[in-house]
Amino acid sequence: MTVYKRKTDFGRENVRLRLTDTKLADLTIREVKGQPVTAKCCKVLIHKIAPDGLSFLTYLRFPVSRDYKLQICLSLSGQPIQAGGQVISRKKQENLYLYDLLFVDLSSSKLALVRLLNETLIRQSPRQARIHQMYRRMSR
């Protein structure tokens, strides 16, 4: 399990959780230049996830632009998550492209997503569960 930190626009850092188990998600184009569109879904591999966005791998080549929004649907700890977002970076990785998607809107609250990520982190590293419990008690 690896945890990454990424600076946000406001100087704060968000923890990005690298998933150790393979997570597939459905991805589609939701709108282009503010106009809704219907497009086919494709499967993508979730690489990392954070409260403000995620990274995914696919064979598709999307432009890095705020002119369109993607819709991603996945399940985390048994809970369905739908999020709309914009591609903010693209890198070539062997035969695939690695994208960073910044969430623009979530089907659930950001707090609910943070809780799901925390559950996932504890499940991926059960030996560290005691540390996470201590942090939770301290933050109340």
N, C-alpha and C. Protein backbone atom coordinates (compact mmCIF):
# COMPACT_ATOMS: atom_id res chain seq x y z
N MET A 1 0.83 -1.17 0.00
CA MET A 1 0.00 0.00 0.00
C MET A 1 0.88 1.24 0.00
N THR A 2 0.56 2.16 -0.88
CA THR A 2 1.33 3.39 -0.96
C THR A 2 0.37 4.57 -0.86
N VAL A 3 0.76 5.57 -0.11
CA VAL A 3 -0.04 6.78 0.03
C VAL A 3 0.76 7.93 -0.54
N TYR A 4 0.16 8.70 -1.43
CA TYR A 4 0.81 9.83 -2.06
C TYR A 4 0.14 11.11 -1.60
N LYS A 5 0.87 12.21 -1.61
CA LYS A 5 0.28 13.51 -1.29
C LYS A 5 0.36 14.38 -2.52
N ARG A 6 -0.69 15.18 -2.71
CA ARG A 6 -0.74 16.07 -3.85
C ARG A 6 -1.20 17.44 -3.38
N LYS A 7 -0.50 18.48 -3.81
CA LYS A 7 -0.89 19.84 -3.46
C LYS A 7 -2.15 20.22 -4.21
N THR A 8 -3.09 20.84 -3.52
CA THR A 8 -4.29 21.35 -4.16
C THR A 8 -4.08 22.81 -4.53
N ASP A 9 -5.09 23.39 -5.13
CA ASP A 9 -5.01 24.79 -5.55
C ASP A 9 -4.84 25.73 -4.36
N PHE A 10 -5.27 25.32 -3.18
CA PHE A 10 -5.23 26.18 -2.02
C PHE A 10 -4.04 25.90 -1.12
N GLY A 11 -3.07 25.12 -1.58
CA GLY A 11 -1.87 24.87 -0.80
C GLY A 11 -1.99 23.72 0.18
N ARG A 12 -3.21 23.17 0.37
CA ARG A 12 -3.36 22.01 1.25
C ARG A 12 -2.97 20.75 0.48
N GLU A 13 -2.69 19.70 1.22
CA GLU A 13 -2.35 18.45 0.58
C GLU A 13 -3.45 17.44 0.83
N ASN A 14 -3.77 16.68 -0.21
CA ASN A 14 -4.72 15.58 -0.09
C ASN A 14 -3.95 14.28 -0.21
N VAL A 15 -4.34 13.32 0.57
CA VAL A 15 -3.71 12.01 0.51
C VAL A 15 -4.33 11.24 -0.64
N ARG A 16 -3.49 10.67 -1.49
CA ARG A 16 -3.95 9.85 -2.60
C ARG A 16 -3.64 8.40 -2.25
N LEU A 17 -4.63 7.58 -2.27
CA LEU A 17 -4.52 6.18 -1.90
C LEU A 17 -4.32 5.33 -3.14
N ARG A 18 -3.21 4.62 -3.19
CA ARG A 18 -2.98 3.68 -4.29
C ARG A 18 -3.66 2.38 -3.92
N LEU A 19 -4.56 1.92 -4.76
CA LEU A 19 -5.33 0.72 -4.48
C LEU A 19 -4.50 -0.53 -4.76
N THR A 20 -4.48 -1.44 -3.79
CA THR A 20 -3.70 -2.67 -3.97
C THR A 20 -4.49 -3.74 -4.70
N ASP A 21 -5.81 -3.70 -4.59
CA ASP A 21 -6.62 -4.64 -5.35
C ASP A 21 -7.09 -3.95 -6.62
N THR A 22 -7.25 -4.71 -7.68
CA THR A 22 -7.62 -4.14 -8.97
C THR A 22 -9.03 -3.59 -8.91
N LYS A 23 -9.17 -2.33 -9.28
CA LYS A 23 -10.48 -1.67 -9.30
C LYS A 23 -10.78 -1.25 -10.72
N LEU A 24 -11.85 -1.77 -11.26
CA LEU A 24 -12.31 -1.35 -12.57
C LEU A 24 -13.46 -0.37 -12.39
N ALA A 25 -13.56 0.55 -13.31
CA ALA A 25 -14.65 1.53 -13.27
C ALA A 25 -15.18 1.72 -14.68
N ASP A 26 -16.41 2.21 -14.76
CA ASP A 26 -17.00 2.56 -16.05
C ASP A 26 -16.78 4.03 -16.29
N LEU A 27 -16.33 4.36 -17.49
CA LEU A 27 -16.04 5.75 -17.85
C LEU A 27 -16.79 6.10 -19.13
N THR A 28 -17.37 7.29 -19.14
CA THR A 28 -18.04 7.79 -20.34
C THR A 28 -17.86 9.30 -20.42
N ILE A 29 -18.05 9.84 -21.60
CA ILE A 29 -18.02 11.29 -21.78
C ILE A 29 -19.42 11.80 -21.45
N ARG A 30 -19.52 12.77 -20.53
CA ARG A 30 -20.82 13.27 -20.08
C ARG A 30 -21.24 14.54 -20.81
N GLU A 31 -20.31 15.45 -21.02
CA GLU A 31 -20.66 16.68 -21.72
C GLU A 31 -19.44 17.25 -22.44
N VAL A 32 -19.73 17.99 -23.51
CA VAL A 32 -18.69 18.66 -24.29
C VAL A 32 -19.12 20.11 -24.45
N LYS A 33 -18.25 21.03 -24.00
CA LYS A 33 -18.52 22.47 -24.04
C LYS A 33 -19.89 22.81 -23.45
N GLY A 34 -20.22 22.17 -22.32
CA GLY A 34 -21.46 22.46 -21.62
C GLY A 34 -22.70 21.76 -22.15
N GLN A 35 -22.58 21.06 -23.27
CA GLN A 35 -23.72 20.36 -23.86
C GLN A 35 -23.67 18.88 -23.51
N PRO A 36 -24.76 18.32 -22.96
CA PRO A 36 -24.76 16.89 -22.63
C PRO A 36 -24.64 16.02 -23.88
N VAL A 37 -23.90 14.94 -23.76
CA VAL A 37 -23.73 13.99 -24.86
C VAL A 37 -23.95 12.57 -24.32
N THR A 38 -24.26 11.66 -25.22
CA THR A 38 -24.33 10.25 -24.85
C THR A 38 -23.23 9.52 -25.59
N ALA A 39 -22.45 8.80 -24.85
CA ALA A 39 -21.32 8.06 -25.43
C ALA A 39 -21.28 6.68 -24.77
N LYS A 40 -20.64 5.77 -25.43
CA LYS A 40 -20.49 4.43 -24.89
C LYS A 40 -19.60 4.44 -23.65
N CYS A 41 -19.85 3.50 -22.75
CA CYS A 41 -18.99 3.32 -21.57
C CYS A 41 -17.81 2.43 -21.94
N CYS A 42 -16.72 2.65 -21.27
CA CYS A 42 -15.58 1.75 -21.41
C CYS A 42 -15.03 1.48 -20.00
N LYS A 43 -14.34 0.40 -19.86
CA LYS A 43 -13.73 0.04 -18.57
C LYS A 43 -12.37 0.70 -18.47
N VAL A 44 -12.08 1.23 -17.27
CA VAL A 44 -10.76 1.80 -16.98
C VAL A 44 -10.27 1.21 -15.67
N LEU A 45 -8.99 1.25 -15.48
CA LEU A 45 -8.36 0.73 -14.27
C LEU A 45 -8.03 1.90 -13.35
N ILE A 46 -8.57 1.88 -12.14
CA ILE A 46 -8.30 2.94 -11.17
C ILE A 46 -6.91 2.72 -10.60
N HIS A 47 -6.10 3.74 -10.64
CA HIS A 47 -4.72 3.67 -10.17
C HIS A 47 -4.59 4.20 -8.75
N LYS A 48 -5.05 5.44 -8.53
CA LYS A 48 -5.03 6.09 -7.22
C LYS A 48 -6.33 6.85 -7.06
N ILE A 49 -6.71 7.08 -5.80
CA ILE A 49 -7.93 7.83 -5.55
C ILE A 49 -7.74 8.73 -4.34
N ALA A 50 -8.38 9.89 -4.39
CA ALA A 50 -8.31 10.89 -3.32
C ALA A 50 -9.67 11.57 -3.22
N PRO A 51 -9.90 12.35 -2.18
CA PRO A 51 -11.18 13.05 -2.06
C PRO A 51 -11.45 14.05 -3.18
N ASP A 52 -10.41 14.55 -3.84
CA ASP A 52 -10.62 15.56 -4.88
C ASP A 52 -10.46 15.03 -6.30
N GLY A 53 -10.12 13.75 -6.45
CA GLY A 53 -9.96 13.20 -7.79
C GLY A 53 -9.35 11.82 -7.77
N LEU A 54 -9.02 11.34 -8.95
CA LEU A 54 -8.41 10.01 -9.06
C LEU A 54 -7.53 9.95 -10.29
N SER A 55 -6.75 8.88 -10.36
CA SER A 55 -5.93 8.58 -11.53
C SER A 55 -6.44 7.26 -12.11
N PHE A 56 -6.47 7.19 -13.41
CA PHE A 56 -6.91 5.95 -14.04
C PHE A 56 -6.09 5.66 -15.28
N LEU A 57 -6.07 4.39 -15.66
CA LEU A 57 -5.35 3.91 -16.84
C LEU A 57 -6.35 3.43 -17.88
N THR A 58 -6.08 3.76 -19.15
CA THR A 58 -6.91 3.29 -20.25
C THR A 58 -6.10 3.33 -21.54
N TYR A 59 -6.61 2.65 -22.55
CA TYR A 59 -5.99 2.68 -23.86
C TYR A 59 -6.48 3.88 -24.68
N LEU A 60 -7.54 4.54 -24.21
CA LEU A 60 -8.10 5.69 -24.91
C LEU A 60 -7.24 6.93 -24.71
N ARG A 61 -7.22 7.80 -25.70
CA ARG A 61 -6.44 9.03 -25.62
C ARG A 61 -7.39 10.22 -25.57
N PHE A 62 -7.50 10.83 -24.38
CA PHE A 62 -8.32 12.01 -24.18
C PHE A 62 -7.43 13.26 -24.16
N PRO A 63 -7.95 14.38 -24.62
CA PRO A 63 -7.17 15.62 -24.51
C PRO A 63 -7.19 16.15 -23.08
N VAL A 64 -6.17 16.87 -22.70
CA VAL A 64 -6.15 17.56 -21.40
C VAL A 64 -6.82 18.90 -21.65
N SER A 65 -8.08 19.01 -21.18
CA SER A 65 -8.87 20.19 -21.46
C SER A 65 -10.02 20.29 -20.48
N ARG A 66 -10.46 21.50 -20.23
CA ARG A 66 -11.64 21.71 -19.38
C ARG A 66 -12.89 21.88 -20.23
N ASP A 67 -12.79 21.61 -21.53
CA ASP A 67 -13.94 21.76 -22.44
C ASP A 67 -14.92 20.60 -22.38
N TYR A 68 -14.57 19.54 -21.71
CA TYR A 68 -15.46 18.39 -21.63
C TYR A 68 -15.37 17.78 -20.23
N LYS A 69 -16.39 17.00 -19.88
CA LYS A 69 -16.42 16.32 -18.58
C LYS A 69 -16.63 14.83 -18.80
N LEU A 70 -15.94 14.06 -17.99
CA LEU A 70 -16.10 12.61 -17.99
C LEU A 70 -16.94 12.21 -16.79
N GLN A 71 -17.64 11.10 -16.92
CA GLN A 71 -18.41 10.53 -15.83
C GLN A 71 -17.77 9.18 -15.50
N ILE A 72 -17.45 8.96 -14.22
CA ILE A 72 -16.83 7.70 -13.81
C ILE A 72 -17.70 7.08 -12.73
N CYS A 73 -17.92 5.77 -12.84
CA CYS A 73 -18.73 5.02 -11.89
C CYS A 73 -17.90 3.84 -11.38
N LEU A 74 -17.77 3.75 -10.06
CA LEU A 74 -17.01 2.66 -9.46
C LEU A 74 -17.64 2.26 -8.13
N SER A 75 -17.16 1.19 -7.58
CA SER A 75 -17.62 0.72 -6.28
C SER A 75 -16.42 0.68 -5.35
N LEU A 76 -16.59 1.28 -4.16
CA LEU A 76 -15.53 1.32 -3.17
C LEU A 76 -16.12 0.87 -1.85
N SER A 77 -15.57 -0.18 -1.27
CA SER A 77 -16.09 -0.79 -0.04
C SER A 77 -17.56 -1.15 -0.19
N GLY A 78 -17.94 -1.60 -1.36
CA GLY A 78 -19.32 -2.00 -1.61
C GLY A 78 -20.28 -0.85 -1.88
N GLN A 79 -19.80 0.38 -1.84
CA GLN A 79 -20.65 1.55 -2.07
C GLN A 79 -20.41 2.09 -3.49
N PRO A 80 -21.50 2.31 -4.24
CA PRO A 80 -21.32 2.88 -5.58
C PRO A 80 -20.97 4.37 -5.50
N ILE A 81 -20.06 4.78 -6.35
CA ILE A 81 -19.64 6.18 -6.42
C ILE A 81 -19.73 6.62 -7.87
N GLN A 82 -20.38 7.74 -8.09
CA GLN A 82 -20.42 8.36 -9.40
C GLN A 82 -19.82 9.75 -9.27
N ALA A 83 -18.96 10.08 -10.19
CA ALA A 83 -18.31 11.39 -10.14
C ALA A 83 -18.10 11.92 -11.55
N GLY A 84 -18.31 13.21 -11.68
CA GLY A 84 -17.99 13.89 -12.92
C GLY A 84 -16.69 14.63 -12.73
N GLY A 85 -15.89 14.69 -13.76
CA GLY A 85 -14.62 15.37 -13.59
C GLY A 85 -13.99 15.80 -14.90
N GLN A 86 -12.87 16.50 -14.75
CA GLN A 86 -12.12 17.01 -15.89
C GLN A 86 -10.71 16.45 -15.87
N VAL A 87 -10.21 16.12 -17.04
CA VAL A 87 -8.85 15.59 -17.17
C VAL A 87 -7.88 16.75 -17.00
N ILE A 88 -6.96 16.60 -16.01
CA ILE A 88 -6.00 17.66 -15.76
C ILE A 88 -4.57 17.27 -16.15
N SER A 89 -4.34 15.97 -16.40
CA SER A 89 -3.02 15.57 -16.90
C SER A 89 -3.11 14.21 -17.58
N ARG A 90 -2.15 13.97 -18.49
CA ARG A 90 -2.07 12.69 -19.21
C ARG A 90 -0.61 12.34 -19.37
N LYS A 91 -0.29 11.07 -19.09
CA LYS A 91 1.07 10.57 -19.28
C LYS A 91 0.99 9.22 -19.98
N LYS A 92 1.92 8.98 -20.87
CA LYS A 92 2.00 7.69 -21.56
C LYS A 92 2.72 6.71 -20.66
N GLN A 93 2.13 5.52 -20.47
CA GLN A 93 2.74 4.45 -19.68
C GLN A 93 2.64 3.17 -20.48
N GLU A 94 3.74 2.81 -21.13
CA GLU A 94 3.79 1.65 -22.00
C GLU A 94 2.69 1.75 -23.06
N ASN A 95 1.73 0.82 -23.08
CA ASN A 95 0.67 0.83 -24.10
C ASN A 95 -0.56 1.61 -23.66
N LEU A 96 -0.54 2.19 -22.48
CA LEU A 96 -1.71 2.85 -21.91
C LEU A 96 -1.43 4.32 -21.63
N TYR A 97 -2.50 5.03 -21.28
CA TYR A 97 -2.38 6.41 -20.83
C TYR A 97 -2.83 6.49 -19.38
N LEU A 98 -2.08 7.25 -18.58
CA LEU A 98 -2.42 7.48 -17.18
C LEU A 98 -2.97 8.90 -17.08
N TYR A 99 -4.19 9.03 -16.59
CA TYR A 99 -4.86 10.32 -16.49
C TYR A 99 -5.09 10.70 -15.03
N ASP A 100 -5.06 11.99 -14.75
CA ASP A 100 -5.52 12.54 -13.49
C ASP A 100 -6.85 13.21 -13.77
N LEU A 101 -7.86 12.84 -13.01
CA LEU A 101 -9.20 13.38 -13.15
C LEU A 101 -9.53 14.18 -11.90
N LEU A 102 -9.86 15.44 -12.05
CA LEU A 102 -10.25 16.29 -10.94
C LEU A 102 -11.77 16.25 -10.83
N PHE A 103 -12.27 15.86 -9.65
CA PHE A 103 -13.72 15.78 -9.46
C PHE A 103 -14.34 17.17 -9.54
N VAL A 104 -15.41 17.28 -10.31
CA VAL A 104 -16.18 18.51 -10.40
C VAL A 104 -17.46 18.35 -9.59
N ASP A 105 -18.05 17.16 -9.65
CA ASP A 105 -19.22 16.85 -8.83
C ASP A 105 -19.23 15.37 -8.47
N LEU A 106 -19.71 15.09 -7.26
CA LEU A 106 -19.77 13.73 -6.73
C LEU A 106 -21.23 13.37 -6.45
N SER A 107 -21.55 12.07 -6.60
CA SER A 107 -22.90 11.62 -6.27
C SER A 107 -23.13 11.64 -4.76
N SER A 108 -22.08 11.47 -3.99
CA SER A 108 -22.18 11.53 -2.53
C SER A 108 -21.33 12.70 -2.04
N SER A 109 -21.39 12.96 -0.76
CA SER A 109 -20.61 14.07 -0.21
C SER A 109 -19.12 13.71 -0.16
N LYS A 110 -18.30 14.73 -0.07
CA LYS A 110 -16.85 14.51 0.04
C LYS A 110 -16.53 13.80 1.35
N LEU A 111 -17.28 14.11 2.41
CA LEU A 111 -17.07 13.46 3.70
C LEU A 111 -17.35 11.96 3.59
N ALA A 112 -18.40 11.59 2.87
CA ALA A 112 -18.71 10.16 2.68
C ALA A 112 -17.59 9.47 1.91
N LEU A 113 -17.03 10.17 0.92
CA LEU A 113 -15.92 9.59 0.16
C LEU A 113 -14.69 9.42 1.04
N VAL A 114 -14.41 10.39 1.90
CA VAL A 114 -13.27 10.29 2.82
C VAL A 114 -13.45 9.08 3.74
N ARG A 115 -14.65 8.87 4.21
CA ARG A 115 -14.92 7.69 5.07
C ARG A 115 -14.68 6.39 4.32
N LEU A 116 -15.15 6.32 3.07
CA LEU A 116 -14.92 5.12 2.26
C LEU A 116 -13.43 4.90 2.00
N LEU A 117 -12.71 5.97 1.75
CA LEU A 117 -11.27 5.84 1.53
C LEU A 117 -10.57 5.37 2.81
N ASN A 118 -11.03 5.87 3.95
CA ASN A 118 -10.46 5.44 5.23
C ASN A 118 -10.72 3.95 5.46
N GLU A 119 -11.94 3.50 5.18
CA GLU A 119 -12.26 2.07 5.32
C GLU A 119 -11.38 1.23 4.39
N THR A 120 -11.19 1.71 3.17
CA THR A 120 -10.35 1.00 2.21
C THR A 120 -8.90 0.93 2.69
N LEU A 121 -8.40 2.04 3.22
CA LEU A 121 -7.04 2.08 3.74
C LEU A 121 -6.86 1.09 4.89
N ILE A 122 -7.82 1.04 5.79
CA ILE A 122 -7.75 0.10 6.93
C ILE A 122 -7.81 -1.34 6.43
N ARG A 123 -8.67 -1.62 5.44
CA ARG A 123 -8.79 -2.97 4.92
C ARG A 123 -7.51 -3.40 4.20
N GLN A 124 -6.85 -2.45 3.51
CA GLN A 124 -5.61 -2.77 2.79
C GLN A 124 -4.43 -2.96 3.73
N SER A 125 -4.46 -2.30 4.88
CA SER A 125 -3.35 -2.42 5.83
C SER A 125 -3.91 -2.63 7.23
N PRO A 126 -4.37 -3.85 7.53
CA PRO A 126 -5.01 -4.11 8.82
C PRO A 126 -4.07 -3.91 10.02
N ARG A 127 -2.77 -4.03 9.81
CA ARG A 127 -1.83 -3.85 10.93
C ARG A 127 -1.79 -2.40 11.40
N GLN A 128 -2.22 -1.48 10.55
CA GLN A 128 -2.21 -0.06 10.92
C GLN A 128 -3.56 0.44 11.41
N ALA A 129 -4.52 -0.45 11.57
CA ALA A 129 -5.87 -0.06 11.99
C ALA A 129 -5.86 0.65 13.34
N ARG A 130 -5.02 0.21 14.24
CA ARG A 130 -4.95 0.84 15.58
C ARG A 130 -4.51 2.30 15.48
N ILE A 131 -3.58 2.59 14.61
CA ILE A 131 -3.11 3.96 14.42
C ILE A 131 -4.25 4.84 13.90
N HIS A 132 -5.00 4.32 12.94
CA HIS A 132 -6.11 5.08 12.37
C HIS A 132 -7.20 5.33 13.41
N GLN A 133 -7.45 4.36 14.27
CA GLN A 133 -8.43 4.55 15.34
C GLN A 133 -7.98 5.65 16.30
N MET A 134 -6.70 5.69 16.60
CA MET A 134 -6.18 6.74 17.49
C MET A 134 -6.36 8.12 16.86
N TYR A 135 -6.06 8.25 15.58
CA TYR A 135 -6.23 9.52 14.88
C TYR A 135 -7.69 9.95 14.88
N ARG A 136 -8.60 8.99 14.67
CA ARG A 136 -10.02 9.31 14.66
C ARG A 136 -10.46 9.84 16.02
N ARG A 137 -9.99 9.21 17.10
CA ARG A 137 -10.36 9.66 18.45
C ARG A 137 -9.81 11.05 18.71
N MET A 138 -8.60 11.32 18.25
CA MET A 138 -7.98 12.63 18.48
C MET A 138 -8.67 13.74 17.69
N SER A 139 -9.23 13.42 16.52
CA SER A 139 -9.82 14.44 15.67
C SER A 139 -11.27 14.76 16.04
N ARG A 140 -11.84 14.06 16.99
CA ARG A 140 -13.23 14.33 17.41
C ARG A 140 -13.32 15.49 18.33
